[in-house]
Every structure is written in C-alpha cells, then in structure tokens.
Amino acid sequence: ATMRPTESQSGFRRRLSPLREFGKYLNAIGI
C-alpha cells in the first residue's frame, strides 16, 4: 500500500479500498 510514482491520489485510494474492505470482511468471519 505505497503510492506509486505514476499513480494519482484518487487512483491510490481506489486501489486500497478493496483491500480495506477485504480486511474488514476477514475480521467479520472470524479471521
């Protein structure tokens, strides 16, 4: 989750959003 040189701020947020939601999902199912 490090911002790439060719990545915009909004693109960075979009890339990390699924990862954040996946982490929340894992916690929700007990992992």
ModelCIF file with pLDDT and N, C-alpha, C, O atoms, coordinates in Angstrom:
data_MODEL
#
_entry.id   MODEL 
#
_entity.id                         1 
_entity.type                       polymer 
_entity.pdbx_number_of_molecules   1 
#
_entity_poly.entity_id                      1 
_entity_poly.type                           'polypeptide(L)' 
_entity_poly.nstd_linkage                   no 
_entity_poly.nstd_monomer                   no 
_entity_poly.pdbx_seq_one_letter_code       ATMRPTESQSGFRRRLSPLREFGKYLNAIGI 
_entity_poly.pdbx_seq_one_letter_code_can   ATMRPTESQSGFRRRLSPLREFGKYLNAIGI 
_entity_poly.pdbx_strand_id                 A 
#
loop_
_entity_poly_seq.entity_id 
_entity_poly_seq.num 
_entity_poly_seq.mon_id 
_entity_poly_seq.hetero 
1 1  ALA n 
1 2  THR n 
1 3  MET n 
1 4  ARG n 
1 5  PRO n 
1 6  THR n 
1 7  GLU n 
1 8  SER n 
1 9  GLN n 
1 10 SER n 
1 11 GLY n 
1 12 PHE n 
1 13 ARG n 
1 14 ARG n 
1 15 ARG n 
1 16 LEU n 
1 17 SER n 
1 18 PRO n 
1 19 LEU n 
1 20 ARG n 
1 21 GLU n 
1 22 PHE n 
1 23 GLY n 
1 24 LYS n 
1 25 TYR n 
1 26 LEU n 
1 27 ASN n 
1 28 ALA n 
1 29 ILE n 
1 30 GLY n 
1 31 ILE n 
#
_struct_asym.id          A 
_struct_asym.entity_id   1 
#
loop_
_ma_qa_metric.id 
_ma_qa_metric.mode 
_ma_qa_metric.name 
_ma_qa_metric.software_group_id 
_ma_qa_metric.type 
1 global pLDDT . pLDDT 
2 local  pLDDT . pLDDT 
#
_ma_qa_metric_global.metric_id      1 
_ma_qa_metric_global.metric_value   76.10 
_ma_qa_metric_global.model_id       1 
_ma_qa_metric_global.ordinal_id     1 
#
loop_
_ma_qa_metric_local.label_asym_id 
_ma_qa_metric_local.label_comp_id 
_ma_qa_metric_local.label_seq_id 
_ma_qa_metric_local.metric_id 
_ma_qa_metric_local.metric_value 
_ma_qa_metric_local.model_id 
_ma_qa_metric_local.ordinal_id 
A ALA 1  2 72.00 1 1  
A THR 2  2 76.00 1 2  
A MET 3  2 74.00 1 3  
A ARG 4  2 76.00 1 4  
A PRO 5  2 72.00 1 5  
A THR 6  2 74.00 1 6  
A GLU 7  2 69.00 1 7  
A SER 8  2 72.00 1 8  
A GLN 9  2 70.00 1 9  
A SER 10 2 70.00 1 10 
A GLY 11 2 74.00 1 11 
A PHE 12 2 74.00 1 12 
A ARG 13 2 75.00 1 13 
A ARG 14 2 74.00 1 14 
A ARG 15 2 78.00 1 15 
A LEU 16 2 75.00 1 16 
A SER 17 2 77.00 1 17 
A PRO 18 2 79.00 1 18 
A LEU 19 2 77.00 1 19 
A ARG 20 2 77.00 1 20 
A GLU 21 2 78.00 1 21 
A PHE 22 2 80.00 1 22 
A GLY 23 2 79.00 1 23 
A LYS 24 2 79.00 1 24 
A TYR 25 2 77.00 1 25 
A LEU 26 2 79.00 1 26 
A ASN 27 2 77.00 1 27 
A ALA 28 2 78.00 1 28 
A ILE 29 2 82.00 1 29 
A GLY 30 2 80.00 1 30 
A ILE 31 2 85.00 1 31 
#
loop_
_atom_site.group_PDB 
_atom_site.id 
_atom_site.type_symbol 
_atom_site.label_atom_id 
_atom_site.label_alt_id 
_atom_site.label_comp_id 
_atom_site.label_asym_id 
_atom_site.label_entity_id 
_atom_site.label_seq_id 
_atom_site.pdbx_PDB_ins_code 
_atom_site.Cartn_x 
_atom_site.Cartn_y 
_atom_site.Cartn_z 
_atom_site.occupancy 
_atom_site.B_iso_or_equiv 
_atom_site.pdbx_formal_charge 
_atom_site.auth_seq_id 
_atom_site.auth_comp_id 
_atom_site.auth_asym_id 
_atom_site.auth_atom_id 
_atom_site.pdbx_PDB_model_num 
ATOM 1   N N  . ALA A 1 1  ? 0.830   -1.210  0.000   1.00 72.00 ? 1  ALA A N  1 
ATOM 2   C CA . ALA A 1 1  ? 0.000   0.000   0.000   1.00 72.00 ? 1  ALA A CA 1 
ATOM 3   C C  . ALA A 1 1  ? 0.863   1.259   0.000   1.00 72.00 ? 1  ALA A C  1 
ATOM 4   O O  . ALA A 1 1  ? 0.729   2.123   0.867   1.00 72.00 ? 1  ALA A O  1 
ATOM 5   N N  . THR A 1 2  ? 1.739   1.344   -0.977  1.00 76.00 ? 2  THR A N  1 
ATOM 6   C CA . THR A 1 2  ? 2.587   2.520   -1.146  1.00 76.00 ? 2  THR A CA 1 
ATOM 7   C C  . THR A 1 2  ? 2.218   3.192   -2.460  1.00 76.00 ? 2  THR A C  1 
ATOM 8   O O  . THR A 1 2  ? 2.098   2.533   -3.492  1.00 76.00 ? 2  THR A O  1 
ATOM 9   N N  . MET A 1 3  ? 2.042   4.483   -2.415  1.00 74.00 ? 3  MET A N  1 
ATOM 10  C CA . MET A 1 3  ? 1.631   5.209   -3.611  1.00 74.00 ? 3  MET A CA 1 
ATOM 11  C C  . MET A 1 3  ? 2.712   5.132   -4.681  1.00 74.00 ? 3  MET A C  1 
ATOM 12  O O  . MET A 1 3  ? 3.878   5.429   -4.423  1.00 74.00 ? 3  MET A O  1 
ATOM 13  N N  . ARG A 1 4  ? 2.315   4.733   -5.879  1.00 76.00 ? 4  ARG A N  1 
ATOM 14  C CA . ARG A 1 4  ? 3.250   4.577   -6.978  1.00 76.00 ? 4  ARG A CA 1 
ATOM 15  C C  . ARG A 1 4  ? 3.530   5.924   -7.657  1.00 76.00 ? 4  ARG A C  1 
ATOM 16  O O  . ARG A 1 4  ? 2.683   6.817   -7.627  1.00 76.00 ? 4  ARG A O  1 
ATOM 17  N N  . PRO A 1 5  ? 4.701   6.074   -8.264  1.00 72.00 ? 5  PRO A N  1 
ATOM 18  C CA . PRO A 1 5  ? 5.063   7.349   -8.907  1.00 72.00 ? 5  PRO A CA 1 
ATOM 19  C C  . PRO A 1 5  ? 4.079   7.780   -9.987  1.00 72.00 ? 5  PRO A C  1 
ATOM 20  O O  . PRO A 1 5  ? 3.864   8.973   -10.199 1.00 72.00 ? 5  PRO A O  1 
ATOM 21  N N  . THR A 1 6  ? 3.479   6.797   -10.674 1.00 74.00 ? 6  THR A N  1 
ATOM 22  C CA . THR A 1 6  ? 2.571   7.116   -11.773 1.00 74.00 ? 6  THR A CA 1 
ATOM 23  C C  . THR A 1 6  ? 1.111   7.147   -11.337 1.00 74.00 ? 6  THR A C  1 
ATOM 24  O O  . THR A 1 6  ? 0.213   7.216   -12.176 1.00 74.00 ? 6  THR A O  1 
ATOM 25  N N  . GLU A 1 7  ? 0.871   7.097   -10.035 1.00 69.00 ? 7  GLU A N  1 
ATOM 26  C CA . GLU A 1 7  ? -0.488  6.961   -9.502  1.00 69.00 ? 7  GLU A CA 1 
ATOM 27  C C  . GLU A 1 7  ? -0.990  8.293   -8.946  1.00 69.00 ? 7  GLU A C  1 
ATOM 28  O O  . GLU A 1 7  ? -0.261  9.003   -8.254  1.00 69.00 ? 7  GLU A O  1 
ATOM 29  N N  . SER A 1 8  ? -2.229  8.616   -9.255  1.00 72.00 ? 8  SER A N  1 
ATOM 30  C CA . SER A 1 8  ? -2.833  9.817   -8.691  1.00 72.00 ? 8  SER A CA 1 
ATOM 31  C C  . SER A 1 8  ? -3.372  9.506   -7.295  1.00 72.00 ? 8  SER A C  1 
ATOM 32  O O  . SER A 1 8  ? -3.483  8.344   -6.904  1.00 72.00 ? 8  SER A O  1 
ATOM 33  N N  . GLN A 1 9  ? -3.703  10.556  -6.557  1.00 70.00 ? 9  GLN A N  1 
ATOM 34  C CA . GLN A 1 9  ? -4.233  10.364  -5.205  1.00 70.00 ? 9  GLN A CA 1 
ATOM 35  C C  . GLN A 1 9  ? -5.541  9.592   -5.232  1.00 70.00 ? 9  GLN A C  1 
ATOM 36  O O  . GLN A 1 9  ? -5.761  8.702   -4.411  1.00 70.00 ? 9  GLN A O  1 
ATOM 37  N N  . SER A 1 10 ? -6.409  9.936   -6.180  1.00 70.00 ? 10 SER A N  1 
ATOM 38  C CA . SER A 1 10 ? -7.689  9.233   -6.268  1.00 70.00 ? 10 SER A CA 1 
ATOM 39  C C  . SER A 1 10 ? -7.487  7.784   -6.701  1.00 70.00 ? 10 SER A C  1 
ATOM 40  O O  . SER A 1 10 ? -8.180  6.889   -6.217  1.00 70.00 ? 10 SER A O  1 
ATOM 41  N N  . GLY A 1 11 ? -6.537  7.548   -7.615  1.00 74.00 ? 11 GLY A N  1 
ATOM 42  C CA . GLY A 1 11 ? -6.253  6.185   -8.042  1.00 74.00 ? 11 GLY A CA 1 
ATOM 43  C C  . GLY A 1 11 ? -5.686  5.355   -6.908  1.00 74.00 ? 11 GLY A C  1 
ATOM 44  O O  . GLY A 1 11 ? -5.992  4.170   -6.780  1.00 74.00 ? 11 GLY A O  1 
ATOM 45  N N  . PHE A 1 12 ? -4.862  5.980   -6.088  1.00 74.00 ? 12 PHE A N  1 
ATOM 46  C CA . PHE A 1 12 ? -4.297  5.315   -4.910  1.00 74.00 ? 12 PHE A CA 1 
ATOM 47  C C  . PHE A 1 12 ? -5.407  4.886   -3.956  1.00 74.00 ? 12 PHE A C  1 
ATOM 48  O O  . PHE A 1 12 ? -5.398  3.767   -3.443  1.00 74.00 ? 12 PHE A O  1 
ATOM 49  N N  . ARG A 1 13 ? -6.365  5.788   -3.722  1.00 75.00 ? 13 ARG A N  1 
ATOM 50  C CA . ARG A 1 13 ? -7.479  5.457   -2.839  1.00 75.00 ? 13 ARG A CA 1 
ATOM 51  C C  . ARG A 1 13 ? -8.310  4.309   -3.399  1.00 75.00 ? 13 ARG A C  1 
ATOM 52  O O  . ARG A 1 13 ? -8.719  3.411   -2.663  1.00 75.00 ? 13 ARG A O  1 
ATOM 53  N N  . ARG A 1 14 ? -8.559  4.346   -4.714  1.00 74.00 ? 14 ARG A N  1 
ATOM 54  C CA . ARG A 1 14 ? -9.360  3.279   -5.330  1.00 74.00 ? 14 ARG A CA 1 
ATOM 55  C C  . ARG A 1 14 ? -8.665  1.930   -5.224  1.00 74.00 ? 14 ARG A C  1 
ATOM 56  O O  . ARG A 1 14 ? -9.317  0.905   -5.028  1.00 74.00 ? 14 ARG A O  1 
ATOM 57  N N  . ARG A 1 15 ? -7.338  1.929   -5.356  1.00 78.00 ? 15 ARG A N  1 
ATOM 58  C CA . ARG A 1 15 ? -6.605  0.664   -5.280  1.00 78.00 ? 15 ARG A CA 1 
ATOM 59  C C  . ARG A 1 15 ? -6.638  0.074   -3.878  1.00 78.00 ? 15 ARG A C  1 
ATOM 60  O O  . ARG A 1 15 ? -6.705  -1.144  -3.713  1.00 78.00 ? 15 ARG A O  1 
ATOM 61  N N  . LEU A 1 16 ? -6.590  0.944   -2.861  1.00 75.00 ? 16 LEU A N  1 
ATOM 62  C CA . LEU A 1 16 ? -6.557  0.441   -1.491  1.00 75.00 ? 16 LEU A CA 1 
ATOM 63  C C  . LEU A 1 16 ? -7.931  0.118   -0.924  1.00 75.00 ? 16 LEU A C  1 
ATOM 64  O O  . LEU A 1 16 ? -8.045  -0.653  0.029   1.00 75.00 ? 16 LEU A O  1 
ATOM 65  N N  . SER A 1 17 ? -8.965  0.696   -1.499  1.00 77.00 ? 17 SER A N  1 
ATOM 66  C CA . SER A 1 17 ? -10.313 0.490   -0.972  1.00 77.00 ? 17 SER A CA 1 
ATOM 67  C C  . SER A 1 17 ? -10.721 -0.988  -0.917  1.00 77.00 ? 17 SER A C  1 
ATOM 68  O O  . SER A 1 17 ? -11.235 -1.425  0.113   1.00 77.00 ? 17 SER A O  1 
ATOM 69  N N  . PRO A 1 18 ? -10.511 -1.785  -1.994  1.00 79.00 ? 18 PRO A N  1 
ATOM 70  C CA . PRO A 1 18 ? -10.884 -3.209  -1.918  1.00 79.00 ? 18 PRO A CA 1 
ATOM 71  C C  . PRO A 1 18 ? -10.097 -3.960  -0.845  1.00 79.00 ? 18 PRO A C  1 
ATOM 72  O O  . PRO A 1 18 ? -10.629 -4.854  -0.188  1.00 79.00 ? 18 PRO A O  1 
ATOM 73  N N  . LEU A 1 19 ? -8.827  -3.592  -0.673  1.00 77.00 ? 19 LEU A N  1 
ATOM 74  C CA . LEU A 1 19 ? -8.004  -4.257  0.336   1.00 77.00 ? 19 LEU A CA 1 
ATOM 75  C C  . LEU A 1 19 ? -8.524  -3.958  1.741   1.00 77.00 ? 19 LEU A C  1 
ATOM 76  O O  . LEU A 1 19 ? -8.551  -4.835  2.605   1.00 77.00 ? 19 LEU A O  1 
ATOM 77  N N  . ARG A 1 20 ? -8.933  -2.719  1.954   1.00 77.00 ? 20 ARG A N  1 
ATOM 78  C CA . ARG A 1 20 ? -9.504  -2.347  3.245   1.00 77.00 ? 20 ARG A CA 1 
ATOM 79  C C  . ARG A 1 20 ? -10.794 -3.122  3.512   1.00 77.00 ? 20 ARG A C  1 
ATOM 80  O O  . ARG A 1 20 ? -11.010 -3.624  4.615   1.00 77.00 ? 20 ARG A O  1 
ATOM 81  N N  . GLU A 1 21 ? -11.648 -3.214  2.492   1.00 78.00 ? 21 GLU A N  1 
ATOM 82  C CA . GLU A 1 21 ? -12.913 -3.931  2.657   1.00 78.00 ? 21 GLU A CA 1 
ATOM 83  C C  . GLU A 1 21 ? -12.675 -5.424  2.859   1.00 78.00 ? 21 GLU A C  1 
ATOM 84  O O  . GLU A 1 21 ? -13.407 -6.077  3.603   1.00 78.00 ? 21 GLU A O  1 
ATOM 85  N N  . PHE A 1 22 ? -11.648 -5.964  2.196   1.00 80.00 ? 22 PHE A N  1 
ATOM 86  C CA . PHE A 1 22 ? -11.342 -7.387  2.360   1.00 80.00 ? 22 PHE A CA 1 
ATOM 87  C C  . PHE A 1 22 ? -10.887 -7.675  3.793   1.00 80.00 ? 22 PHE A C  1 
ATOM 88  O O  . PHE A 1 22 ? -11.259 -8.690  4.382   1.00 80.00 ? 22 PHE A O  1 
ATOM 89  N N  . GLY A 1 23 ? -10.085 -6.773  4.339   1.00 79.00 ? 23 GLY A N  1 
ATOM 90  C CA . GLY A 1 23 ? -9.656  -6.942  5.723   1.00 79.00 ? 23 GLY A CA 1 
ATOM 91  C C  . GLY A 1 23 ? -10.826 -6.909  6.679   1.00 79.00 ? 23 GLY A C  1 
ATOM 92  O O  . GLY A 1 23 ? -10.867 -7.685  7.634   1.00 79.00 ? 23 GLY A O  1 
ATOM 93  N N  . LYS A 1 24 ? -11.783 -6.020  6.440   1.00 79.00 ? 24 LYS A N  1 
ATOM 94  C CA . LYS A 1 24 ? -12.982 -5.939  7.278   1.00 79.00 ? 24 LYS A CA 1 
ATOM 95  C C  . LYS A 1 24 ? -13.820 -7.216  7.150   1.00 79.00 ? 24 LYS A C  1 
ATOM 96  O O  . LYS A 1 24 ? -14.411 -7.684  8.122   1.00 79.00 ? 24 LYS A O  1 
ATOM 97  N N  . TYR A 1 25 ? -13.858 -7.767  5.935   1.00 77.00 ? 25 TYR A N  1 
ATOM 98  C CA . TYR A 1 25 ? -14.614 -8.999  5.708   1.00 77.00 ? 25 TYR A CA 1 
ATOM 99  C C  . TYR A 1 25 ? -13.994 -10.167 6.467   1.00 77.00 ? 25 TYR A C  1 
ATOM 100 O O  . TYR A 1 25 ? -14.704 -10.952 7.095   1.00 77.00 ? 25 TYR A O  1 
ATOM 101 N N  . LEU A 1 26 ? -12.662 -10.281 6.407   1.00 79.00 ? 26 LEU A N  1 
ATOM 102 C CA . LEU A 1 26 ? -11.988 -11.372 7.114   1.00 79.00 ? 26 LEU A CA 1 
ATOM 103 C C  . LEU A 1 26 ? -12.258 -11.298 8.616   1.00 79.00 ? 26 LEU A C  1 
ATOM 104 O O  . LEU A 1 26 ? -12.513 -12.317 9.258   1.00 79.00 ? 26 LEU A O  1 
ATOM 105 N N  . ASN A 1 27 ? -12.200 -10.107 9.160   1.00 77.00 ? 27 ASN A N  1 
ATOM 106 C CA . ASN A 1 27 ? -12.487 -9.951  10.580  1.00 77.00 ? 27 ASN A CA 1 
ATOM 107 C C  . ASN A 1 27 ? -13.931 -10.336 10.901  1.00 77.00 ? 27 ASN A C  1 
ATOM 108 O O  . ASN A 1 27 ? -14.218 -10.896 11.960  1.00 77.00 ? 27 ASN A O  1 
ATOM 109 N N  . ALA A 1 28 ? -14.831 -10.026 9.970   1.00 78.00 ? 28 ALA A N  1 
ATOM 110 C CA . ALA A 1 28 ? -16.247 -10.312 10.191  1.00 78.00 ? 28 ALA A CA 1 
ATOM 111 C C  . ALA A 1 28 ? -16.539 -11.809 10.231  1.00 78.00 ? 28 ALA A C  1 
ATOM 112 O O  . ALA A 1 28 ? -17.477 -12.242 10.900  1.00 78.00 ? 28 ALA A O  1 
ATOM 113 N N  . ILE A 1 29 ? -15.733 -12.605 9.511   1.00 82.00 ? 29 ILE A N  1 
ATOM 114 C CA . ILE A 1 29 ? -15.975 -14.057 9.501   1.00 82.00 ? 29 ILE A CA 1 
ATOM 115 C C  . ILE A 1 29 ? -15.059 -14.792 10.477  1.00 82.00 ? 29 ILE A C  1 
ATOM 116 O O  . ILE A 1 29 ? -14.950 -16.017 10.450  1.00 82.00 ? 29 ILE A O  1 
ATOM 117 N N  . GLY A 1 30 ? -14.408 -14.015 11.334  1.00 80.00 ? 30 GLY A N  1 
ATOM 118 C CA . GLY A 1 30 ? -13.633 -14.632 12.400  1.00 80.00 ? 30 GLY A CA 1 
ATOM 119 C C  . GLY A 1 30 ? -12.168 -14.837 12.126  1.00 80.00 ? 30 GLY A C  1 
ATOM 120 O O  . GLY A 1 30 ? -11.481 -15.476 12.923  1.00 80.00 ? 30 GLY A O  1 
ATOM 121 N N  . ILE A 1 31 ? -11.660 -14.314 11.016  1.00 85.00 ? 31 ILE A N  1 
ATOM 122 C CA . ILE A 1 31 ? -10.240 -14.443 10.691  1.00 85.00 ? 31 ILE A CA 1 
ATOM 123 C C  . ILE A 1 31 ? -9.546  -13.130 11.039  1.00 85.00 ? 31 ILE A C  1 
ATOM 124 O O  . ILE A 1 31 ? -8.337  -13.002 10.850  1.00 85.00 ? 31 ILE A O  1 
#
